[in-house]
Amino acid sequence: MRWLEMGAAYFLVALFAIGVFDLGLSLYELLVSGRFTDPNAVIDLIDTVLLLLIIVEVFQTVVAFSRNEPVIRIVINAALIAIARKVISYRPDEYASVDDAFVAAGSFALLLAVLIAAFLVVRRVDLDPLEPEVD
């Protein structure tokens, strides 16, 4: 199982490196083309940065799991970043109807509220490292 965890960690590092390279290319393209003032282009850039943060959080989850440390806080952080990414990149005109856009917005708000509540609950609870299993 250890080799699988290490393989996943190295894969996430490679994925992060590719993402940083892509972010650099996107930023260069925005600056050269003069589109750096276009709100949609900036939102796409922020979307990429948040995706990289999610990759970092997943990497931390893999590392914490391999060390038998609690991962719930890391998972909630990753989920908060993911829902923030969806909220920032939310475009109502991409939905078939106004009702669909409202349902999506309500779902995002509900998810965000639940994740914030979970974050506050976990923050108040002191989680000790998991005890190693005895076979």
Protein backbone atom coordinates (compact mmCIF):
# COMPACT_ATOMS: atom_id res chain seq x y z
CA MET A 1 0.00 0.00 0.00
CA ARG A 2 2.93 2.32 0.69
CA TRP A 3 4.06 2.24 -2.95
CA LEU A 4 0.56 3.23 -4.08
CA GLU A 5 0.56 6.23 -1.74
CA MET A 6 4.01 7.28 -2.95
CA GLY A 7 2.95 6.83 -6.57
CA ALA A 8 -0.11 9.01 -6.01
CA ALA A 9 2.02 11.66 -4.31
CA TYR A 10 4.52 11.75 -7.20
CA PHE A 11 1.67 11.87 -9.70
CA LEU A 12 0.17 14.87 -7.90
CA VAL A 13 3.56 16.62 -7.87
CA ALA A 14 3.87 16.07 -11.63
CA LEU A 15 0.30 17.28 -12.14
CA PHE A 16 1.05 20.39 -10.09
CA ALA A 17 4.18 21.10 -12.14
CA ILE A 18 2.21 20.80 -15.38
CA GLY A 19 -0.46 23.10 -13.93
CA VAL A 20 2.10 25.74 -12.93
CA PHE A 21 3.60 25.58 -16.43
CA ASP A 22 0.12 25.97 -17.94
CA LEU A 23 -0.60 28.88 -15.60
CA GLY A 24 2.61 30.58 -16.69
CA LEU A 25 1.73 30.10 -20.36
CA SER A 26 -1.78 31.44 -19.79
CA LEU A 27 -0.47 34.46 -17.94
CA TYR A 28 2.08 35.15 -20.66
CA GLU A 29 -0.62 34.81 -23.33
CA LEU A 30 -2.87 37.26 -21.45
CA LEU A 31 -0.11 39.82 -21.12
CA VAL A 32 1.06 39.54 -24.73
CA SER A 33 -2.44 39.64 -26.21
CA GLY A 34 -3.54 42.56 -24.02
CA ARG A 35 -6.53 40.60 -22.67
CA PHE A 36 -5.39 40.93 -19.05
CA THR A 37 -8.26 43.40 -18.44
CA ASP A 38 -10.90 40.98 -19.77
CA PRO A 39 -12.90 39.79 -16.73
CA ASN A 40 -13.57 36.34 -18.22
CA ALA A 41 -9.86 35.81 -18.87
CA VAL A 42 -8.98 36.85 -15.33
CA ILE A 43 -11.65 34.54 -13.90
CA ASP A 44 -10.23 31.67 -15.96
CA LEU A 45 -6.79 32.48 -14.55
CA ILE A 46 -8.15 32.49 -10.98
CA ASP A 47 -9.89 29.20 -11.77
CA THR A 48 -6.54 27.67 -12.71
CA VAL A 49 -4.89 28.96 -9.53
CA LEU A 50 -7.68 27.50 -7.39
CA LEU A 51 -7.37 24.19 -9.23
CA LEU A 52 -3.67 24.16 -8.33
CA LEU A 53 -4.58 24.79 -4.70
CA ILE A 54 -6.95 21.82 -4.82
CA ILE A 55 -4.09 19.66 -6.13
CA VAL A 56 -1.94 20.83 -3.20
CA GLU A 57 -4.71 19.95 -0.73
CA VAL A 58 -5.16 16.49 -2.26
CA PHE A 59 -1.38 15.99 -2.04
CA GLN A 60 -1.49 16.96 1.65
CA THR A 61 -4.33 14.48 2.13
CA VAL A 62 -2.27 11.65 0.63
CA VAL A 63 0.76 12.56 2.75
CA ALA A 64 -1.30 12.86 5.95
CA PHE A 65 -3.05 9.56 5.26
CA SER A 66 0.27 7.78 4.73
CA ARG A 67 1.47 9.14 8.08
CA ASN A 68 -1.73 8.02 9.87
CA GLU A 69 -2.66 11.64 10.59
CA PRO A 70 -6.24 12.94 10.51
CA VAL A 71 -7.29 14.09 7.06
CA ILE A 72 -10.75 15.52 7.69
CA ARG A 73 -9.55 19.13 8.01
CA ILE A 74 -7.55 18.85 4.79
CA VAL A 75 -10.52 17.35 2.95
CA ILE A 76 -12.80 20.14 4.15
CA ASN A 77 -10.22 22.74 3.05
CA ALA A 78 -10.05 21.15 -0.39
CA ALA A 79 -13.85 21.12 -0.61
CA LEU A 80 -14.01 24.79 0.40
CA ILE A 81 -11.51 25.68 -2.31
CA ALA A 82 -13.47 23.62 -4.83
CA ILE A 83 -16.79 25.29 -4.03
CA ALA A 84 -15.12 28.72 -4.04
CA ARG A 85 -13.79 27.86 -7.49
CA LYS A 86 -17.30 26.98 -8.67
CA VAL A 87 -18.76 30.18 -7.16
CA ILE A 88 -16.09 32.40 -8.71
CA SER A 89 -16.47 30.83 -12.15
CA TYR A 90 -20.30 30.75 -11.92
CA ARG A 91 -21.87 32.12 -15.10
CA PRO A 92 -25.69 32.12 -15.14
CA ASP A 93 -25.83 32.39 -18.93
CA GLU A 94 -24.31 28.90 -19.24
CA TYR A 95 -27.52 27.33 -17.89
CA ALA A 96 -30.51 26.34 -20.01
CA SER A 97 -32.98 28.42 -18.01
CA VAL A 98 -33.11 30.96 -15.22
CA ASP A 99 -34.55 28.29 -12.92
CA ASP A 100 -31.53 26.04 -13.56
CA ALA A 101 -29.20 28.94 -12.76
CA PHE A 102 -31.05 29.60 -9.49
CA VAL A 103 -30.94 25.93 -8.52
CA ALA A 104 -27.19 25.86 -9.17
CA ALA A 105 -26.64 29.07 -7.18
CA GLY A 106 -28.73 27.72 -4.30
CA SER A 107 -26.80 24.46 -4.35
CA PHE A 108 -23.50 26.32 -4.22
CA ALA A 109 -24.75 28.43 -1.30
CA LEU A 110 -25.97 25.36 0.59
CA LEU A 111 -22.71 23.49 0.02
CA LEU A 112 -20.71 26.50 1.12
CA ALA A 113 -22.77 26.88 4.31
CA VAL A 114 -22.43 23.18 5.19
CA LEU A 115 -18.68 23.21 4.53
CA ILE A 116 -18.18 26.33 6.64
CA ALA A 117 -20.15 24.72 9.48
CA ALA A 118 -18.07 21.53 9.17
CA PHE A 119 -14.87 23.59 9.13
CA LEU A 120 -15.89 25.40 12.33
CA VAL A 121 -16.85 22.14 14.06
CA VAL A 122 -13.59 20.42 13.11
CA ARG A 123 -11.62 23.49 14.11
CA ARG A 124 -13.03 23.27 17.64
CA VAL A 125 -12.24 19.57 17.98
CA ASP A 126 -8.64 18.58 18.61
CA LEU A 127 -7.85 15.62 16.38
CA ASP A 128 -4.94 13.49 17.53
CA PRO A 129 -3.03 11.31 15.08
CA LEU A 130 -4.67 7.98 14.53
CA GLU A 131 -3.32 5.08 16.51
CA PRO A 132 -1.48 2.57 14.32
CA GLU A 133 -3.41 -0.61 13.77
CA VAL A 134 -2.15 -3.62 15.70
CA ASP A 135 -2.47 -6.90 13.83
